[in-house]
């Protein structure tokens, strides 16, 4: 894994940033029109310092919806998604439910032989099964791997989840494998990867935009607000009183990811994607790096636009 410092990304000039990112940001429509691209060297240097101290590779993409301001760091590089893909997979299920009112109540029966590692919810219901809605909640709130596999199977496999991402304008996201193999996160392997910018923009479209119907969008937000396993990542780095709807991801090479929407006490949303990995296969995930990245980004954005 390349450990070189991203000199070309640490201090952006506005023209270069606009040239490289404008095609993506254009998909945000009026939200970014008139917005300021926040790319002063201080936040870039802070993120670079965090990356150096953590001895890994850090990717960040953040969008303040109130001001249209962004923070981008290694935002167009590919990172292993690990369980963050579950947000997109569940969104695909919700999309299908817009055309089938009975889908979410449908019972999916599976056996003990179908269980894979880390399935804290589905392992309790082998033989009897769970509803599609219950599987969605398990995948998002407990990162249950068997639940995710059953949902991916329901929509047509990994390629179908990728196709759904394409349908909402994400040309970077790619899901190739199933849980738990997709967590191998081998450096240079593009399978099951995305970029921080692509995932941030997809998160915005799914949780705040019109990629889903109003009821489906509200349901996705509700499930992600109830995330029971993400308390030490983005949630640990935001100021008191903020509400977070997020999906974490962890894997080999110390992969530590978190993506979601953060609402200030004034209900102003900020969309954030943080990806982190290390060059050692058996490195452990590091919650503190993600929390500190969230702390730096939220603090700097709100100071800069005040």
Protein backbone atom coordinates (compact mmCIF):
# COMPACT_ATOMS: atom_id res chain seq x y z
CA UNK A 1 0.00 0.00 0.00
CA UNK A 2 1.35 3.40 -0.96
CA UNK A 3 2.28 5.40 2.08
CA UNK A 4 3.43 8.55 0.29
CA UNK A 5 1.95 11.77 1.57
CA UNK A 6 -0.69 13.14 -0.84
CA UNK A 7 1.08 16.40 -1.64
CA UNK A 8 -1.24 17.05 -4.55
CA UNK A 9 -4.26 16.67 -2.24
CA UNK A 10 -3.08 18.41 0.88
CA UNK A 11 -3.30 22.00 -0.31
CA UNK A 12 -5.79 22.34 -3.11
CA UNK A 13 -6.10 25.41 -5.26
CA UNK A 14 -9.69 26.23 -6.04
CA UNK A 15 -9.28 25.93 -9.80
CA UNK A 16 -7.70 22.49 -9.62
CA UNK A 17 -10.33 21.25 -7.19
CA UNK A 18 -13.16 22.53 -9.33
CA UNK A 19 -11.68 20.92 -12.43
CA UNK A 20 -11.28 17.52 -10.81
CA UNK A 21 -14.45 17.36 -8.75
CA UNK A 22 -16.96 19.50 -10.64
CA UNK A 23 -18.35 16.57 -12.68
CA UNK A 24 -19.30 14.82 -9.41
CA UNK A 25 -20.52 17.88 -7.58
CA UNK A 26 -22.67 18.81 -10.52
CA UNK A 27 -24.85 15.88 -9.58
CA UNK A 28 -25.77 17.67 -6.37
CA UNK A 29 -27.83 20.22 -8.30
CA UNK A 30 -28.75 23.48 -6.62
CA UNK A 31 -27.36 22.38 -3.27
CA UNK A 32 -23.85 23.32 -4.36
CA UNK A 33 -24.67 26.29 -6.55
CA UNK A 34 -23.10 29.32 -4.98
CA UNK A 35 -21.40 27.15 -2.36
CA UNK A 36 -17.81 27.63 -1.29
CA UNK A 37 -15.26 24.86 -1.71
CA UNK A 38 -13.38 24.84 1.58
CA UNK A 39 -9.89 23.71 0.73
CA UNK A 40 -7.58 25.92 2.74
CA UNK A 41 -4.38 24.24 3.75
CA UNK A 42 -5.18 24.02 7.45
CA UNK A 43 -7.82 21.28 7.34
CA UNK A 44 -5.83 19.43 4.69
CA UNK A 45 -2.75 19.60 6.90
CA UNK A 46 -4.73 18.43 9.92
CA UNK A 47 -6.03 15.41 8.03
CA UNK A 48 -2.56 14.69 6.65
CA UNK A 49 -1.13 14.83 10.18
CA UNK A 50 -3.83 12.42 11.38
CA UNK A 51 -3.02 10.09 8.52
CA UNK A 52 0.70 10.16 9.31
CA UNK A 53 0.19 9.55 13.02
CA UNK A 54 -2.18 6.66 12.30
CA UNK A 55 0.30 5.12 9.85
CA UNK A 56 -2.29 4.37 7.22
CA UNK A 57 -4.23 5.86 4.31
CA UNK A 58 -7.16 8.17 5.05
CA UNK A 59 -9.94 9.28 2.72
CA UNK A 60 -12.54 11.91 3.58
CA UNK A 61 -15.41 13.59 1.74
CA UNK A 62 -17.77 15.96 3.52
CA UNK A 63 -20.56 18.24 2.33
CA UNK A 64 -22.26 20.87 4.48
CA UNK A 65 -25.76 21.03 3.00
CA UNK A 66 -26.51 24.45 4.48
CA UNK A 67 -23.55 26.23 2.88
CA UNK A 68 -22.62 23.88 0.04
CA UNK A 69 -19.09 23.78 1.44
CA UNK A 70 -16.93 20.67 1.15
CA UNK A 71 -13.83 19.08 2.62
CA UNK A 72 -12.09 16.55 0.38
CA UNK A 73 -9.00 14.47 1.18
CA UNK A 74 -7.94 11.57 -1.05
CA UNK A 75 -11.58 11.73 -2.01
CA UNK A 76 -11.25 10.14 -5.44
CA UNK A 77 -9.03 7.23 -4.40
CA UNK A 78 -10.50 3.75 -4.08
CA UNK A 79 -10.98 2.19 -0.65
CA UNK A 80 -12.48 -1.15 0.36
CA UNK A 81 -16.11 -0.58 1.36
CA UNK A 82 -16.53 -3.50 3.74
CA UNK A 83 -19.91 -3.21 5.46
CA UNK A 84 -20.66 0.33 4.29
CA UNK A 85 -22.07 -1.32 1.15
CA UNK A 86 -25.02 -2.46 3.26
CA UNK A 87 -26.49 1.04 3.10
CA UNK A 88 -26.67 0.77 -0.70
CA UNK A 89 -27.95 -2.80 -0.60
CA UNK A 90 -30.78 -1.89 1.77
CA UNK A 91 -31.56 1.18 -0.34
CA UNK A 92 -31.88 -1.13 -3.35
CA UNK A 93 -34.41 -3.24 -1.43
CA UNK A 94 -36.32 -0.12 -0.43
CA UNK A 95 -36.33 1.00 -4.05
CA UNK A 96 -37.92 -2.29 -5.10
CA UNK A 97 -40.46 -1.93 -2.30
CA UNK A 98 -41.72 1.26 -3.94
CA UNK A 99 -43.22 -1.02 -6.62
CA UNK A 100 -44.24 -3.90 -4.33
CA UNK A 101 -46.11 -2.96 -1.18
CA UNK A 102 -45.79 -6.49 0.21
CA UNK A 103 -42.03 -6.83 -0.18
CA UNK A 104 -40.93 -5.60 3.24
CA UNK A 105 -43.30 -7.98 5.03
CA UNK A 106 -42.18 -10.98 2.98
CA UNK A 107 -40.71 -13.77 5.13
CA UNK A 108 -37.27 -15.04 4.11
CA UNK A 109 -36.61 -18.51 5.51
CA UNK A 110 -33.01 -19.66 5.85
CA UNK A 111 -31.19 -22.47 7.64
CA UNK A 112 -28.19 -22.68 9.95
CA UNK A 113 -26.09 -23.72 6.96
CA UNK A 114 -26.75 -20.31 5.40
CA UNK A 115 -25.20 -18.42 8.31
CA UNK A 116 -21.83 -16.74 7.85
CA UNK A 117 -19.49 -15.16 10.37
CA UNK A 118 -20.77 -12.22 12.40
CA UNK A 119 -24.51 -12.74 12.23
CA UNK A 120 -25.68 -11.74 15.74
CA UNK A 121 -29.33 -11.30 14.75
CA UNK A 122 -29.97 -13.86 12.03
CA UNK A 123 -28.32 -16.67 14.00
CA UNK A 124 -31.23 -16.46 16.43
CA UNK A 125 -33.80 -17.11 13.71
CA UNK A 126 -32.29 -19.90 11.61
CA UNK A 127 -35.05 -22.25 10.50
CA UNK A 128 -37.86 -19.78 11.07
CA UNK A 129 -36.54 -16.85 9.08
CA UNK A 130 -37.10 -13.10 9.25
CA UNK A 131 -39.07 -10.54 7.29
CA UNK A 132 -37.29 -8.42 4.70
CA UNK A 133 -37.76 -5.37 6.92
CA UNK A 134 -36.20 -7.20 9.86
CA UNK A 135 -33.26 -8.25 7.70
CA UNK A 136 -32.76 -4.64 6.61
CA UNK A 137 -32.71 -3.48 10.22
CA UNK A 138 -30.28 -6.25 11.18
CA UNK A 139 -27.93 -5.42 8.31
CA UNK A 140 -27.86 -1.70 9.07
CA UNK A 141 -28.11 -1.57 12.85
CA UNK A 142 -26.02 -4.63 13.75
CA UNK A 143 -24.06 -5.08 10.50
CA UNK A 144 -25.36 -8.65 10.35
CA UNK A 145 -23.56 -10.39 7.49
CA UNK A 146 -26.10 -13.13 6.81
CA UNK A 147 -28.86 -10.53 6.67
CA UNK A 148 -26.84 -8.59 4.12
CA UNK A 149 -26.25 -11.69 1.99
CA UNK A 150 -29.95 -12.56 2.00
CA UNK A 151 -30.85 -9.03 0.93
CA UNK A 152 -28.23 -8.99 -1.82
CA UNK A 153 -29.58 -12.33 -3.03
CA UNK A 154 -33.11 -10.94 -2.94
CA UNK A 155 -32.28 -8.09 -5.33
CA UNK A 156 -30.28 -10.27 -7.72
CA UNK A 157 -26.72 -10.52 -6.40
CA UNK A 158 -23.74 -8.16 -6.07
CA UNK A 159 -24.02 -7.00 -9.67
CA UNK A 160 -27.61 -5.93 -9.05
CA UNK A 161 -26.52 -3.78 -6.11
CA UNK A 162 -23.88 -2.21 -8.34
CA UNK A 163 -26.52 -1.60 -11.00
CA UNK A 164 -28.69 0.16 -8.42
CA UNK A 165 -25.75 2.40 -7.51
CA UNK A 166 -25.34 3.25 -11.19
CA UNK A 167 -29.04 4.10 -11.38
CA UNK A 168 -28.56 6.86 -8.80
CA UNK A 169 -25.52 8.24 -10.60
CA UNK A 170 -22.68 6.47 -8.78
CA UNK A 171 -20.16 5.29 -11.38
CA UNK A 172 -17.48 4.30 -8.83
CA UNK A 173 -19.21 1.91 -6.39
CA UNK A 174 -18.71 -1.75 -7.23
CA UNK A 175 -19.86 -4.78 -5.25
CA UNK A 176 -18.32 -8.02 -6.49
CA UNK A 177 -18.50 -10.55 -3.67
CA UNK A 178 -20.54 -11.66 -0.69
CA UNK A 179 -20.00 -11.45 3.04
CA UNK A 180 -17.52 -12.11 4.53
CA UNK A 181 -15.12 -12.50 1.57
CA UNK A 182 -15.61 -8.89 0.49
CA UNK A 183 -13.76 -7.73 3.62
CA UNK A 184 -10.35 -8.94 2.39
CA UNK A 185 -9.50 -5.33 1.48
CA UNK A 186 -6.29 -6.29 -0.34
CA UNK A 187 -4.36 -3.17 -1.44
CA UNK A 188 -4.76 -2.60 -5.17
CA UNK A 189 -7.74 -4.97 -5.47
CA UNK A 190 -10.60 -2.92 -6.91
CA UNK A 191 -13.26 -5.47 -6.03
CA UNK A 192 -15.81 -4.22 -3.51
CA UNK A 193 -14.45 -0.67 -3.48
CA UNK A 194 -15.64 2.89 -3.85
CA UNK A 195 -14.23 6.37 -3.28
CA UNK A 196 -15.04 8.68 -0.37
CA UNK A 197 -16.49 11.26 -2.76
CA UNK A 198 -18.69 8.75 -4.58
CA UNK A 199 -20.00 7.28 -1.34
CA UNK A 200 -20.63 10.69 0.18
CA UNK A 201 -22.64 11.77 -2.85
CA UNK A 202 -24.61 8.51 -2.92
CA UNK A 203 -25.32 8.87 0.80
CA UNK A 204 -26.67 12.35 0.13
CA UNK A 205 -28.91 11.10 -2.67
CA UNK A 206 -30.23 8.14 -0.69
CA UNK A 207 -30.79 9.81 2.68
CA UNK A 208 -31.54 13.40 1.66
CA UNK A 209 -32.33 13.39 -2.05
CA UNK A 210 -34.99 11.88 -4.27
CA UNK A 211 -33.35 8.55 -5.13
CA UNK A 212 -35.97 6.91 -2.91
CA UNK A 213 -39.58 7.74 -2.19
CA UNK A 214 -40.33 9.85 0.86
CA UNK A 215 -41.44 6.91 3.00
CA UNK A 216 -38.49 4.77 1.95
CA UNK A 217 -36.02 7.60 2.57
CA UNK A 218 -37.48 8.16 6.04
CA UNK A 219 -37.20 4.44 6.79
CA UNK A 220 -33.55 4.35 5.70
CA UNK A 221 -32.79 7.34 7.89
CA UNK A 222 -34.56 5.76 10.84
CA UNK A 223 -32.70 2.47 10.56
CA UNK A 224 -29.34 4.22 10.25
CA UNK A 225 -30.05 6.53 13.17
CA UNK A 226 -30.52 3.36 15.18
CA UNK A 227 -27.05 2.01 14.35
CA UNK A 228 -26.05 0.03 17.44
CA UNK A 229 -22.42 -0.68 16.51
CA UNK A 230 -21.08 2.71 15.40
CA UNK A 231 -20.82 4.61 18.65
CA UNK A 232 -17.04 4.91 18.61
CA UNK A 233 -16.60 6.29 15.10
CA UNK A 234 -18.33 9.34 13.58
CA UNK A 235 -20.72 9.52 16.53
CA UNK A 236 -17.79 9.83 18.92
CA UNK A 237 -16.39 12.77 16.98
CA UNK A 238 -19.40 15.06 16.63
CA UNK A 239 -20.42 17.80 19.07
CA UNK A 240 -23.09 17.10 21.72
CA UNK A 241 -26.65 17.35 20.48
CA UNK A 242 -25.91 16.22 16.93
CA UNK A 243 -27.93 13.34 15.44
CA UNK A 244 -26.13 10.78 13.28
CA UNK A 245 -27.47 8.24 10.77
CA UNK A 246 -24.50 6.12 9.70
CA UNK A 247 -23.17 2.78 8.51
CA UNK A 248 -19.77 1.51 9.56
CA UNK A 249 -17.46 -0.96 7.85
CA UNK A 250 -14.45 -2.95 9.08
CA UNK A 251 -12.12 -5.48 7.52
CA UNK A 252 -8.60 -6.74 6.99
CA UNK A 253 -5.73 -4.26 6.70
CA UNK A 254 -7.25 -2.30 9.56
CA UNK A 255 -10.14 -1.02 7.46
CA UNK A 256 -12.18 1.43 9.52
CA UNK A 257 -14.98 3.16 7.63
CA UNK A 258 -18.08 5.17 8.44
CA UNK A 259 -20.52 6.99 6.17
CA UNK A 260 -23.68 8.89 6.96
CA UNK A 261 -25.57 12.09 7.56
CA UNK A 262 -25.04 14.28 10.62
CA UNK A 263 -27.68 16.78 11.74
CA UNK A 264 -26.79 19.78 13.87
CA UNK A 265 -29.16 20.82 16.69
CA UNK A 266 -30.58 23.30 14.14
CA UNK A 267 -31.33 20.33 11.83
CA UNK A 268 -28.73 21.38 9.25
CA UNK A 269 -27.38 18.19 7.64
CA UNK A 270 -23.75 17.42 6.88
CA UNK A 271 -22.91 14.37 4.75
CA UNK A 272 -19.67 12.62 5.65
CA UNK A 273 -17.69 9.63 4.42
CA UNK A 274 -14.50 8.53 6.19
CA UNK A 275 -12.37 5.60 5.01
CA UNK A 276 -9.15 4.39 6.62
CA UNK A 277 -6.82 1.46 6.01
CA UNK A 278 -3.34 0.30 6.98
CA UNK A 279 -0.69 -1.60 4.97
CA UNK A 280 -0.56 -4.61 7.33
CA UNK A 281 -3.02 -7.49 6.66
CA UNK A 282 -3.72 -8.27 10.32
CA UNK A 283 -3.97 -4.63 11.46
CA UNK A 284 -6.99 -4.04 13.67
CA UNK A 285 -9.67 -1.44 12.85
CA UNK A 286 -9.07 1.89 14.57
CA UNK A 287 -12.25 3.66 15.67
CA UNK A 288 -10.28 6.62 17.02
CA UNK A 289 -8.97 7.61 13.59
CA UNK A 290 -12.49 7.87 12.19
CA UNK A 291 -13.72 9.75 15.25
CA UNK A 292 -10.86 12.23 15.02
CA UNK A 293 -11.43 12.77 11.29
CA UNK A 294 -15.10 13.51 12.02
CA UNK A 295 -14.08 15.84 14.85
CA UNK A 296 -11.67 17.76 12.62
CA UNK A 297 -14.07 18.05 9.69
CA UNK A 298 -17.17 19.07 11.64
CA UNK A 299 -15.24 21.52 13.78
CA UNK A 300 -13.48 23.10 10.85
CA UNK A 301 -16.54 23.35 8.61
CA UNK A 302 -18.62 25.05 11.24
CA UNK A 303 -15.82 27.42 12.20
CA UNK A 304 -15.08 28.24 8.58
CA UNK A 305 -18.67 29.06 7.62
CA UNK A 306 -19.59 30.88 10.82
